[in-house]
């Protein structure tokens, strides 16, 4: 199964290259294959239609594995809770686990609870 990975960013996102590197490293660590596309979210209308809660947002097969119920739609930088505190990208382990789960779901297997 190949994951469809979409990286949503605002123009000139300072964490875009870091997120790109993280995605590549998490794919290598998890053994999951995928194709990555980039989408620039440049207007509030685009943000609203995509449910965009900040840049960068990583979608795995169209789903944000780090979504929170109360996150507002915003053309802004996004912060992720990690083991090292709030960061501009999710942690490597968390992204690898999310990729593995999304790949298993896409292949029809039951995802395993990583926690």
PDB file of N, CA and C in Angstrom:
ATOM      1  N   UNK A   1       0.845  -1.191   0.000  1.00  0.00           N
ATOM      2  CA  UNK A   1       0.000   0.000   0.000  1.00  0.00           C
ATOM      3  C   UNK A   1       0.883   1.245   0.000  1.00  0.00           C
ATOM      4  N   UNK A   2       0.566   2.138  -0.873  1.00  0.00           N
ATOM      5  CA  UNK A   2       1.275   3.408  -0.937  1.00  0.00           C
ATOM      6  C   UNK A   2       0.394   4.483  -0.323  1.00  0.00           C
ATOM      7  N   UNK A   3       0.936   5.199   0.640  1.00  0.00           N
ATOM      8  CA  UNK A   3       0.207   6.300   1.261  1.00  0.00           C
ATOM      9  C   UNK A   3       0.187   7.508   0.337  1.00  0.00           C
ATOM     10  N   UNK A   4      -0.924   8.199   0.353  1.00  0.00           N
ATOM     11  CA  UNK A   4      -1.006   9.515  -0.276  1.00  0.00           C
ATOM     12  C   UNK A   4      -0.739  10.509   0.849  1.00  0.00           C
ATOM     13  N   UNK A   5       0.375  11.196   0.752  1.00  0.00           N
ATOM     14  CA  UNK A   5       0.777  12.149   1.785  1.00  0.00           C
ATOM     15  C   UNK A   5       0.688  13.543   1.182  1.00  0.00           C
ATOM     16  N   UNK A   6      -0.045  14.413   1.851  1.00  0.00           N
ATOM     17  CA  UNK A   6      -0.168  15.788   1.377  1.00  0.00           C
ATOM     18  C   UNK A   6       0.330  16.710   2.476  1.00  0.00           C
ATOM     19  N   UNK A   7       1.229  17.589   2.104  1.00  0.00           N
ATOM     20  CA  UNK A   7       1.762  18.577   3.032  1.00  0.00           C
ATOM     21  C   UNK A   7       1.114  19.914   2.705  1.00  0.00           C
ATOM     22  N   UNK A   8       0.287  20.391   3.619  1.00  0.00           N
ATOM     23  CA  UNK A   8      -0.396  21.680   3.463  1.00  0.00           C
ATOM     24  C   UNK A   8       0.412  22.741   4.196  1.00  0.00           C
ATOM     25  N   UNK A   9       0.732  23.831   3.499  1.00  0.00           N
ATOM     26  CA  UNK A   9       1.529  24.895   4.102  1.00  0.00           C
ATOM     27  C   UNK A   9       1.003  26.258   3.677  1.00  0.00           C
ATOM     28  N   UNK A  10       1.287  27.250   4.480  1.00  0.00           N
ATOM     29  CA  UNK A  10       1.049  28.638   4.081  1.00  0.00           C
ATOM     30  C   UNK A  10       2.253  29.082   3.252  1.00  0.00           C
ATOM     31  N   UNK A  11       2.102  30.153   2.462  1.00  0.00           N
ATOM     32  CA  UNK A  11       3.253  30.634   1.694  1.00  0.00           C
ATOM     33  C   UNK A  11       4.438  30.948   2.615  1.00  0.00           C
ATOM     34  N   UNK A  12       5.617  30.546   2.201  1.00  0.00           N
ATOM     35  CA  UNK A  12       6.857  30.814   2.942  1.00  0.00           C
ATOM     36  C   UNK A  12       6.861  30.227   4.352  1.00  0.00           C
ATOM     37  N   UNK A  13       6.231  29.070   4.523  1.00  0.00           N
ATOM     38  CA  UNK A  13       6.197  28.415   5.830  1.00  0.00           C
ATOM     39  C   UNK A  13       7.621  28.099   6.293  1.00  0.00           C
ATOM     40  N   UNK A  14       8.011  28.559   7.477  1.00  0.00           N
ATOM     41  CA  UNK A  14       9.371  28.304   7.957  1.00  0.00           C
ATOM     42  C   UNK A  14       9.630  26.837   8.309  1.00  0.00           C
ATOM     43  N   UNK A  15       8.563  26.054   8.456  1.00  0.00           N
ATOM     44  CA  UNK A  15       8.731  24.643   8.818  1.00  0.00           C
ATOM     45  C   UNK A  15       8.495  23.682   7.657  1.00  0.00           C
ATOM     46  N   UNK A  16       8.310  24.204   6.447  1.00  0.00           N
ATOM     47  CA  UNK A  16       8.034  23.338   5.302  1.00  0.00           C
ATOM     48  C   UNK A  16       9.193  22.384   5.023  1.00  0.00           C
ATOM     49  N   UNK A  17      10.414  22.889   4.966  1.00  0.00           N
ATOM     50  CA  UNK A  17      11.548  22.004   4.657  1.00  0.00           C
ATOM     51  C   UNK A  17      11.785  21.011   5.787  1.00  0.00           C
ATOM     52  N   UNK A  18      11.582  21.434   7.020  1.00  0.00           N
ATOM     53  CA  UNK A  18      11.726  20.523   8.158  1.00  0.00           C
ATOM     54  C   UNK A  18      10.675  19.412   8.060  1.00  0.00           C
ATOM     55  N   UNK A  19       9.448  19.779   7.694  1.00  0.00           N
ATOM     56  CA  UNK A  19       8.383  18.785   7.549  1.00  0.00           C
ATOM     57  C   UNK A  19       8.695  17.822   6.412  1.00  0.00           C
ATOM     58  N   UNK A  20       9.231  18.333   5.302  1.00  0.00           N
ATOM     59  CA  UNK A  20       9.632  17.470   4.185  1.00  0.00           C
ATOM     60  C   UNK A  20      10.656  16.432   4.641  1.00  0.00           C
ATOM     61  N   UNK A  21      11.666  16.897   5.354  1.00  0.00           N
ATOM     62  CA  UNK A  21      12.710  15.991   5.844  1.00  0.00           C
ATOM     63  C   UNK A  21      12.134  14.978   6.835  1.00  0.00           C
ATOM     64  N   UNK A  22      11.230  15.441   7.684  1.00  0.00           N
ATOM     65  CA  UNK A  22      10.599  14.560   8.664  1.00  0.00           C
ATOM     66  C   UNK A  22       9.783  13.478   7.968  1.00  0.00           C
ATOM     67  N   UNK A  23       9.023  13.860   6.958  1.00  0.00           N
ATOM     68  CA  UNK A  23       8.210  12.887   6.219  1.00  0.00           C
ATOM     69  C   UNK A  23       9.106  11.822   5.600  1.00  0.00           C
ATOM     70  N   UNK A  24      10.180  12.247   4.948  1.00  0.00           N
ATOM     71  CA  UNK A  24      11.106  11.288   4.321  1.00  0.00           C
ATOM     72  C   UNK A  24      11.723  10.356   5.368  1.00  0.00           C
ATOM     73  N   UNK A  25      12.128  10.900   6.490  1.00  0.00           N
ATOM     74  CA  UNK A  25      12.741  10.085   7.547  1.00  0.00           C
ATOM     75  C   UNK A  25      11.724   9.129   8.164  1.00  0.00           C
ATOM     76  N   UNK A  26      10.490   9.589   8.366  1.00  0.00           N
ATOM     77  CA  UNK A  26       9.453   8.734   8.956  1.00  0.00           C
ATOM     78  C   UNK A  26       9.065   7.610   7.994  1.00  0.00           C
ATOM     79  N   UNK A  27       9.070   7.896   6.695  1.00  0.00           N
ATOM     80  CA  UNK A  27       8.797   6.849   5.715  1.00  0.00           C
ATOM     81  C   UNK A  27       9.888   5.781   5.779  1.00  0.00           C
ATOM     82  N   UNK A  28      11.129   6.211   5.857  1.00  0.00           N
ATOM     83  CA  UNK A  28      12.246   5.266   5.945  1.00  0.00           C
ATOM     84  C   UNK A  28      12.170   4.462   7.238  1.00  0.00           C
ATOM     85  N   UNK A  29      11.869   5.121   8.348  1.00  0.00           N
ATOM     86  CA  UNK A  29      11.810   4.441   9.646  1.00  0.00           C
ATOM     87  C   UNK A  29      10.663   3.445   9.712  1.00  0.00           C
ATOM     88  N   UNK A  30       9.504   3.820   9.162  1.00  0.00           N
ATOM     89  CA  UNK A  30       8.324   2.966   9.260  1.00  0.00           C
ATOM     90  C   UNK A  30       8.265   1.911   8.167  1.00  0.00           C
ATOM     91  N   UNK A  31       9.044   2.101   7.103  1.00  0.00           N
ATOM     92  CA  UNK A  31       8.993   1.178   5.983  1.00  0.00           C
ATOM     93  C   UNK A  31       7.788   1.382   5.092  1.00  0.00           C
ATOM     94  N   UNK A  32       7.073   2.475   5.297  1.00  0.00           N
ATOM     95  CA  UNK A  32       5.889   2.791   4.504  1.00  0.00           C
ATOM     96  C   UNK A  32       6.313   3.572   3.268  1.00  0.00           C
ATOM     97  N   UNK A  33       5.747   3.218   2.134  1.00  0.00           N
ATOM     98  CA  UNK A  33       6.017   3.956   0.910  1.00  0.00           C
ATOM     99  C   UNK A  33       4.892   4.952   0.689  1.00  0.00           C
ATOM    100  N   UNK A  34       5.214   6.039   0.024  1.00  0.00           N
ATOM    101  CA  UNK A  34       4.183   7.030  -0.238  1.00  0.00           C
ATOM    102  C   UNK A  34       4.610   8.052  -1.256  1.00  0.00           C
ATOM    103  N   UNK A  35       3.620   8.729  -1.769  1.00  0.00           N
ATOM    104  CA  UNK A  35       3.887   9.857  -2.658  1.00  0.00           C
ATOM    105  C   UNK A  35       3.498  11.119  -1.909  1.00  0.00           C
ATOM    106  N   UNK A  36       4.332  12.133  -2.037  1.00  0.00           N
ATOM    107  CA  UNK A  36       4.121  13.378  -1.297  1.00  0.00           C
ATOM    108  C   UNK A  36       3.777  14.497  -2.271  1.00  0.00           C
ATOM    109  N   UNK A  37       2.699  15.202  -1.969  1.00  0.00           N
ATOM    110  CA  UNK A  37       2.352  16.397  -2.726  1.00  0.00           C
ATOM    111  C   UNK A  37       2.322  17.578  -1.765  1.00  0.00           C
ATOM    112  N   UNK A  38       2.599  18.748  -2.308  1.00  0.00           N
ATOM    113  CA  UNK A  38       2.561  19.985  -1.520  1.00  0.00           C
ATOM    114  C   UNK A  38       1.391  20.832  -1.984  1.00  0.00           C
ATOM    115  N   UNK A  39       0.688  21.399  -1.043  1.00  0.00           N
ATOM    116  CA  UNK A  39      -0.403  22.308  -1.347  1.00  0.00           C
ATOM    117  C   UNK A  39      -0.206  23.579  -0.541  1.00  0.00           C
ATOM    118  N   UNK A  40      -0.208  24.703  -1.235  1.00  0.00           N
ATOM    119  CA  UNK A  40      -0.107  25.994  -0.555  1.00  0.00           C
ATOM    120  C   UNK A  40      -1.514  26.502  -0.270  1.00  0.00           C
ATOM    121  N   UNK A  41      -1.759  26.810   0.983  1.00  0.00           N
ATOM    122  CA  UNK A  41      -3.044  27.361   1.418  1.00  0.00           C
ATOM    123  C   UNK A  41      -2.820  28.853   1.611  1.00  0.00           C
ATOM    124  N   UNK A  42      -3.371  29.646   0.686  1.00  0.00           N
ATOM    125  CA  UNK A  42      -3.043  31.070   0.665  1.00  0.00           C
ATOM    126  C   UNK A  42      -4.196  31.993   1.047  1.00  0.00           C
ATOM    127  N   UNK A  43      -5.383  31.438   1.260  1.00  0.00           N
ATOM    128  CA  UNK A  43      -6.516  32.307   1.601  1.00  0.00           C
ATOM    129  C   UNK A  43      -7.343  31.682   2.717  1.00  0.00           C
ATOM    130  N   UNK A  44      -8.095  32.517   3.385  1.00  0.00           N
ATOM    131  CA  UNK A  44      -8.968  32.034   4.450  1.00  0.00           C
ATOM    132  C   UNK A  44     -10.031  31.102   3.882  1.00  0.00           C
ATOM    133  N   UNK A  45     -10.509  31.387   2.664  1.00  0.00           N
ATOM    134  CA  UNK A  45     -11.491  30.502   2.031  1.00  0.00           C
ATOM    135  C   UNK A  45     -10.910  29.110   1.815  1.00  0.00           C
ATOM    136  N   UNK A  46      -9.664  29.044   1.324  1.00  0.00           N
ATOM    137  CA  UNK A  46      -9.004  27.745   1.149  1.00  0.00           C
ATOM    138  C   UNK A  46      -8.844  27.042   2.496  1.00  0.00           C
ATOM    139  N   UNK A  47      -8.420  27.795   3.500  1.00  0.00           N
ATOM    140  CA  UNK A  47      -8.224  27.218   4.831  1.00  0.00           C
ATOM    141  C   UNK A  47      -9.534  26.642   5.359  1.00  0.00           C
ATOM    142  N   UNK A  48     -10.613  27.374   5.188  1.00  0.00           N
ATOM    143  CA  UNK A  48     -11.913  26.921   5.662  1.00  0.00           C
ATOM    144  C   UNK A  48     -12.368  25.677   4.915  1.00  0.00           C
ATOM    145  N   UNK A  49     -12.232  25.680   3.595  1.00  0.00           N
ATOM    146  CA  UNK A  49     -12.695  24.530   2.815  1.00  0.00           C
ATOM    147  C   UNK A  49     -11.880  23.270   3.097  1.00  0.00           C
ATOM    148  N   UNK A  50     -10.620  23.421   3.475  1.00  0.00           N
ATOM    149  CA  UNK A  50      -9.759  22.274   3.767  1.00  0.00           C
ATOM    150  C   UNK A  50      -9.747  21.909   5.256  1.00  0.00           C
ATOM    151  N   UNK A  51     -10.356  22.725   6.109  1.00  0.00           N
ATOM    152  CA  UNK A  51     -10.278  22.469   7.545  1.00  0.00           C
ATOM    153  C   UNK A  51      -8.865  22.632   8.059  1.00  0.00           C
ATOM    154  N   UNK A  52      -8.139  23.568   7.458  1.00  0.00           N
ATOM    155  CA  UNK A  52      -6.716  23.799   7.710  1.00  0.00           C
ATOM    156  C   UNK A  52      -6.517  24.486   9.053  1.00  0.00           C
ATOM    157  N   UNK A  53      -5.767  23.841   9.946  1.00  0.00           N
ATOM    158  CA  UNK A  53      -5.580  24.386  11.294  1.00  0.00           C
ATOM    159  C   UNK A  53      -4.164  24.892  11.536  1.00  0.00           C
ATOM    160  N   UNK A  54      -3.401  25.066  10.465  1.00  0.00           N
ATOM    161  CA  UNK A  54      -2.075  25.645  10.616  1.00  0.00           C
ATOM    162  C   UNK A  54      -1.037  24.924   9.777  1.00  0.00           C
ATOM    163  N   UNK A  55       0.063  25.616   9.603  1.00  0.00           N
ATOM    164  CA  UNK A  55       1.127  25.160   8.731  1.00  0.00           C
ATOM    165  C   UNK A  55       2.347  24.739   9.530  1.00  0.00           C
ATOM    166  N   UNK A  56       2.888  23.581   9.233  1.00  0.00           N
ATOM    167  CA  UNK A  56       2.488  22.607   8.235  1.00  0.00           C
ATOM    168  C   UNK A  56       1.458  21.624   8.785  1.00  0.00           C
ATOM    169  N   UNK A  57       0.578  21.160   7.900  1.00  0.00           N
ATOM    170  CA  UNK A  57      -0.351  20.085   8.225  1.00  0.00           C
ATOM    171  C   UNK A  57      -0.021  18.916   7.318  1.00  0.00           C
ATOM    172  N   UNK A  58       0.119  17.745   7.895  1.00  0.00           N
ATOM    173  CA  UNK A  58       0.434  16.533   7.147  1.00  0.00           C
ATOM    174  C   UNK A  58      -0.817  15.665   7.095  1.00  0.00           C
ATOM    175  N   UNK A  59      -1.300  15.404   5.877  1.00  0.00           N
ATOM    176  CA  UNK A  59      -2.454  14.531   5.694  1.00  0.00           C
ATOM    177  C   UNK A  59      -1.972  13.176   5.193  1.00  0.00           C
ATOM    178  N   UNK A  60      -2.461  12.119   5.800  1.00  0.00           N
ATOM    179  CA  UNK A  60      -2.152  10.755   5.389  1.00  0.00           C
ATOM    180  C   UNK A  60      -3.433  10.146   4.839  1.00  0.00           C
ATOM    181  N   UNK A  61      -3.439   9.851   3.548  1.00  0.00           N
ATOM    182  CA  UNK A  61      -4.654   9.372   2.877  1.00  0.00           C
ATOM    183  C   UNK A  61      -5.837  10.305   3.159  1.00  0.00           C
ATOM    184  N   UNK A  62      -5.564  11.604   3.157  1.00  0.00           N
ATOM    185  CA  UNK A  62      -6.614  12.607   3.317  1.00  0.00           C
ATOM    186  C   UNK A  62      -7.006  12.927   4.742  1.00  0.00           C
ATOM    187  N   UNK A  63      -6.365  12.301   5.714  1.00  0.00           N
ATOM    188  CA  UNK A  63      -6.723  12.487   7.118  1.00  0.00           C
ATOM    189  C   UNK A  63      -5.562  13.099   7.892  1.00  0.00           C
ATOM    190  N   UNK A  64      -5.888  14.039   8.764  1.00  0.00           N
ATOM    191  CA  UNK A  64      -4.894  14.657   9.638  1.00  0.00           C
ATOM    192  C   UNK A  64      -4.794  13.820  10.910  1.00  0.00           C
ATOM    193  N   UNK A  65      -3.724  13.024  11.058  1.00  0.00           N
ATOM    194  CA  UNK A  65      -3.618  12.165  12.239  1.00  0.00           C
ATOM    195  C   UNK A  65      -3.364  12.929  13.538  1.00  0.00           C
ATOM    196  N   UNK A  66      -3.077  14.213  13.428  1.00  0.00           N
ATOM    197  CA  UNK A  66      -2.780  15.022  14.615  1.00  0.00           C
ATOM    198  C   UNK A  66      -3.872  16.061  14.888  1.00  0.00           C
ATOM    199  N   UNK A  67      -5.012  15.895  14.250  1.00  0.00           N
ATOM    200  CA  UNK A  67      -6.119  16.848  14.415  1.00  0.00           C
ATOM    201  C   UNK A  67      -6.626  16.835  15.852  1.00  0.00           C
ATOM    202  N   UNK A  68      -7.020  18.010  16.307  1.00  0.00           N
ATOM    203  CA  UNK A  68      -7.661  18.118  17.611  1.00  0.00           C
ATOM    204  C   UNK A  68      -9.038  18.740  17.406  1.00  0.00           C
ATOM    205  N   UNK A  69      -9.966  18.330  18.223  1.00  0.00           N
ATOM    206  CA  UNK A  69     -11.360  18.734  18.072  1.00  0.00           C
ATOM    207  C   UNK A  69     -11.539  20.248  18.129  1.00  0.00           C
ATOM    208  N   UNK A  70     -10.829  20.909  19.003  1.00  0.00           N
ATOM    209  CA  UNK A  70     -11.067  22.331  19.229  1.00  0.00           C
ATOM    210  C   UNK A  70     -10.144  23.262  18.446  1.00  0.00           C
ATOM    211  N   UNK A  71      -9.354  22.726  17.520  1.00  0.00           N
ATOM    212  CA  UNK A  71      -8.411  23.575  16.778  1.00  0.00           C
ATOM    213  C   UNK A  71      -9.165  24.447  15.770  1.00  0.00           C
ATOM    214  N   UNK A  72      -8.936  25.752  15.817  1.00  0.00           N
ATOM    215  CA  UNK A  72      -9.617  26.644  14.874  1.00  0.00           C
ATOM    216  C   UNK A  72      -8.956  26.608  13.497  1.00  0.00           C
ATOM    217  N   UNK A  73      -9.747  26.864  12.475  1.00  0.00           N
ATOM    218  CA  UNK A  73      -9.212  27.034  11.130  1.00  0.00           C
ATOM    219  C   UNK A  73      -8.400  28.319  11.145  1.00  0.00           C
ATOM    220  N   UNK A  74      -7.169  28.271  10.590  1.00  0.00           N
ATOM    221  CA  UNK A  74      -6.316  29.456  10.664  1.00  0.00           C
ATOM    222  C   UNK A  74      -5.216  29.428   9.614  1.00  0.00           C
ATOM    223  N   UNK A  75      -4.926  30.587   9.065  1.00  0.00           N
ATOM    224  CA  UNK A  75      -3.743  30.773   8.220  1.00  0.00           C
ATOM    225  C   UNK A  75      -2.618  31.181   9.155  1.00  0.00           C
ATOM    226  N   UNK A  76      -2.013  30.220   9.790  1.00  0.00           N
ATOM    227  CA  UNK A  76      -1.018  30.492  10.823  1.00  0.00           C
ATOM    228  C   UNK A  76      -0.056  29.323  10.915  1.00  0.00           C
ATOM    229  N   UNK A  77       0.977  29.500  11.709  1.00  0.00           N
ATOM    230  CA  UNK A  77       1.875  28.391  12.008  1.00  0.00           C
ATOM    231  C   UNK A  77       1.168  27.448  12.971  1.00  0.00           C
ATOM    232  N   UNK A  78       1.488  26.190  12.862  1.00  0.00           N
ATOM    233  CA  UNK A  78       0.883  25.169  13.717  1.00  0.00           C
ATOM    234  C   UNK A  78       1.927  24.658  14.693  1.00  0.00           C
ATOM    235  N   UNK A  79       1.488  24.375  15.902  1.00  0.00           N
ATOM    236  CA  UNK A  79       2.369  23.778  16.912  1.00  0.00           C
ATOM    237  C   UNK A  79       1.855  22.390  17.262  1.00  0.00           C
ATOM    238  N   UNK A  80       2.788  21.480  17.413  1.00  0.00           N
ATOM    239  CA  UNK A  80       2.478  20.093  17.753  1.00  0.00           C
ATOM    240  C   UNK A  80       3.053  19.767  19.122  1.00  0.00           C
ATOM    241  N   UNK A  81       2.273  19.092  19.978  1.00  0.00           N
ATOM    242  CA  UNK A  81       2.844  18.622  21.237  1.00  0.00           C
ATOM    243  C   UNK A  81       3.756  17.434  20.948  1.00  0.00           C
ATOM    244  N   UNK A  82       4.986  17.497  21.432  1.00  0.00           N
ATOM    245  CA  UNK A  82       5.945  16.398  21.250  1.00  0.00           C
ATOM    246  C   UNK A  82       6.542  16.057  22.608  1.00  0.00           C
ATOM    247  N   UNK A  83       7.374  15.043  22.628  1.00  0.00           N
ATOM    248  CA  UNK A  83       8.060  14.669  23.869  1.00  0.00           C
ATOM    249  C   UNK A  83       8.985  15.782  24.348  1.00  0.00           C
ATOM    250  N   UNK A  84       9.389  16.661  23.433  1.00  0.00           N
ATOM    251  CA  UNK A  84      10.286  17.766  23.773  1.00  0.00           C
ATOM    252  C   UNK A  84       9.554  19.098  23.931  1.00  0.00           C
ATOM    253  N   UNK A  85       8.235  19.055  24.060  1.00  0.00           N
ATOM    254  CA  UNK A  85       7.440  20.274  24.170  1.00  0.00           C
ATOM    255  C   UNK A  85       6.818  20.630  22.829  1.00  0.00           C
ATOM    256  N   UNK A  86       6.277  21.838  22.727  1.00  0.00           N
ATOM    257  CA  UNK A  86       5.636  22.273  21.489  1.00  0.00           C
ATOM    258  C   UNK A  86       6.677  22.536  20.415  1.00  0.00           C
ATOM    259  N   UNK A  87       6.417  22.005  19.218  1.00  0.00           N
ATOM    260  CA  UNK A  87       7.324  22.150  18.081  1.00  0.00           C
ATOM    261  C   UNK A  87       6.520  22.456  16.824  1.00  0.00           C
ATOM    262  N   UNK A  88       7.204  22.899  15.786  1.00  0.00           N
ATOM    263  CA  UNK A  88       6.578  23.248  14.514  1.00  0.00           C
ATOM    264  C   UNK A  88       6.249  22.063  13.628  1.00  0.00           C
ATOM    265  N   UNK A  89       6.648  20.861  14.036  1.00  0.00           N
ATOM    266  CA  UNK A  89       6.304  19.622  13.342  1.00  0.00           C
ATOM    267  C   UNK A  89       6.052  18.547  14.399  1.00  0.00           C
ATOM    268  N   UNK A  90       5.327  17.493  14.010  1.00  0.00           N
ATOM    269  CA  UNK A  90       5.148  16.399  14.972  1.00  0.00           C
ATOM    270  C   UNK A  90       6.472  15.688  15.217  1.00  0.00           C
ATOM    271  N   UNK A  91       6.520  14.857  16.227  1.00  0.00           N
ATOM    272  CA  UNK A  91       7.714  14.073  16.510  1.00  0.00           C
ATOM    273  C   UNK A  91       7.874  12.938  15.509  1.00  0.00           C
ATOM    274  N   UNK A  92       9.104  12.497  15.321  1.00  0.00           N
ATOM    275  CA  UNK A  92       9.410  11.412  14.392  1.00  0.00           C
ATOM    276  C   UNK A  92       8.646  10.140  14.742  1.00  0.00           C
ATOM    277  N   UNK A  93       8.674   9.764  16.008  1.00  0.00           N
ATOM    278  CA  UNK A  93       7.998   8.537  16.432  1.00  0.00           C
ATOM    279  C   UNK A  93       6.507   8.629  16.175  1.00  0.00           C
ATOM    280  N   UNK A  94       5.905   9.747  16.525  1.00  0.00           N
ATOM    281  CA  UNK A  94       4.463   9.921  16.343  1.00  0.00           C
ATOM    282  C   UNK A  94       4.079   9.860  14.861  1.00  0.00           C
ATOM    283  N   UNK A  95       4.883  10.484  13.993  1.00  0.00           N
ATOM    284  CA  UNK A  95       4.579  10.457  12.567  1.00  0.00           C
ATOM    285  C   UNK A  95       4.775   9.054  11.998  1.00  0.00           C
ATOM    286  N   UNK A  96       5.822   8.357  12.407  1.00  0.00           N
ATOM    287  CA  UNK A  96       6.046   6.981  11.943  1.00  0.00           C
ATOM    288  C   UNK A  96       4.884   6.073  12.337  1.00  0.00           C
ATOM    289  N   UNK A  97       4.424   6.207  13.565  1.00  0.00           N
ATOM    290  CA  UNK A  97       3.286   5.407  14.047  1.00  0.00           C
ATOM    291  C   UNK A  97       2.033   5.753  13.250  1.00  0.00           C
ATOM    292  N   UNK A  98       1.805   7.038  13.009  1.00  0.00           N
ATOM    293  CA  UNK A  98       0.635   7.462  12.242  1.00  0.00           C
ATOM    294  C   UNK A  98       0.698   6.913  10.817  1.00  0.00           C
ATOM    295  N   UNK A  99       1.887   6.930  10.211  1.00  0.00           N
ATOM    296  CA  UNK A  99       2.039   6.398   8.851  1.00  0.00           C
ATOM    297  C   UNK A  99       1.756   4.900   8.814  1.00  0.00           C
ATOM    298  N   UNK A 100       2.292   4.166   9.768  1.00  0.00           N
ATOM    299  CA  UNK A 100       2.062   2.729   9.825  1.00  0.00           C
ATOM    300  C   UNK A 100       0.578   2.432   9.984  1.00  0.00           C
ATOM    301  N   UNK A 101      -0.084   3.159  10.863  1.00  0.00           N
ATOM    302  CA  UNK A 101      -1.519   2.969  11.076  1.00  0.00           C
ATOM    303  C   UNK A 101      -2.330   3.292   9.833  1.00  0.00           C
ATOM    304  N   UNK A 102      -1.995   4.389   9.157  1.00  0.00           N
ATOM    305  CA  UNK A 102      -2.719   4.775   7.942  1.00  0.00           C
ATOM    306  C   UNK A 102      -2.508   3.745   6.837  1.00  0.00           C
ATOM    307  N   UNK A 103      -1.300   3.213   6.728  1.00  0.00           N
ATOM    308  CA  UNK A 103      -1.013   2.191   5.719  1.00  0.00           C
ATOM    309  C   UNK A 103      -1.796   0.915   6.020  1.00  0.00           C
ATOM    310  N   UNK A 104      -1.863   0.532   7.292  1.00  0.00           N
ATOM    311  CA  UNK A 104      -2.613  -0.666   7.675  1.00  0.00           C
ATOM    312  C   UNK A 104      -4.101  -0.479   7.410  1.00  0.00           C
ATOM    313  N   UNK A 105      -4.627   0.696   7.746  1.00  0.00           N
ATOM    314  CA  UNK A 105      -6.040   0.975   7.489  1.00  0.00           C
ATOM    315  C   UNK A 105      -6.322   0.935   5.997  1.00  0.00           C
ATOM    316  N   UNK A 106      -5.428   1.505   5.215  1.00  0.00           N
ATOM    317  CA  UNK A 106      -5.603   1.516   3.767  1.00  0.00           C
ATOM    318  C   UNK A 106      -5.542   0.128   3.172  1.00  0.00           C
ATOM    319  N   UNK A 107      -4.811  -0.760   3.816  1.00  0.00           N
ATOM    320  CA  UNK A 107      -4.687  -2.129   3.323  1.00  0.00           C
ATOM    321  C   UNK A 107      -5.785  -3.026   3.900  1.00  0.00           C
ATOM    322  N   UNK A 108      -6.652  -2.464   4.751  1.00  0.00           N
ATOM    323  CA  UNK A 108      -7.765  -3.227   5.321  1.00  0.00           C
ATOM    324  C   UNK A 108      -7.460  -3.896   6.631  1.00  0.00           C
ATOM    325  N   UNK A 109      -6.246  -3.709   7.168  1.00  0.00           N
ATOM    326  CA  UNK A 109      -5.884  -4.317   8.452  1.00  0.00           C
ATOM    327  C   UNK A 109      -6.319  -3.408   9.592  1.00  0.00           C
ATOM    328  N   UNK A 110      -6.487  -3.972  10.747  1.00  0.00           N
ATOM    329  CA  UNK A 110      -6.797  -3.184  11.919  1.00  0.00           C
ATOM    330  C   UNK A 110      -5.537  -2.497  12.418  1.00  0.00           C
ATOM    331  N   UNK A 111      -5.560  -1.163  12.597  1.00  0.00           N
ATOM    332  CA  UNK A 111      -4.366  -0.492  13.114  1.00  0.00           C
ATOM    333  C   UNK A 111      -4.115  -0.913  14.558  1.00  0.00           C
ATOM    334  N   UNK A 112      -2.845  -0.944  14.920  1.00  0.00           N
ATOM    335  CA  UNK A 112      -2.480  -1.273  16.280  1.00  0.00           C
ATOM    336  C   UNK A 112      -2.366   0.002  17.078  1.00  0.00           C
ATOM    337  N   UNK A 113      -2.787  -0.066  18.333  1.00  0.00           N
ATOM    338  CA  UNK A 113      -2.712   1.096  19.203  1.00  0.00           C
ATOM    339  C   UNK A 113      -1.265   1.317  19.602  1.00  0.00           C
ATOM    340  N   UNK A 114      -0.656   2.474  19.209  1.00  0.00           N
ATOM    341  CA  UNK A 114       0.752   2.705  19.481  1.00  0.00           C
ATOM    342  C   UNK A 114       1.065   3.042  20.930  1.00  0.00           C
ATOM    343  N   UNK A 115       0.072   3.379  21.717  1.00  0.00           N
ATOM    344  CA  UNK A 115       0.323   3.837  23.066  1.00  0.00           C
ATOM    345  C   UNK A 115       0.069   2.773  24.084  1.00  0.00           C
TER     346      UNK A 115
END
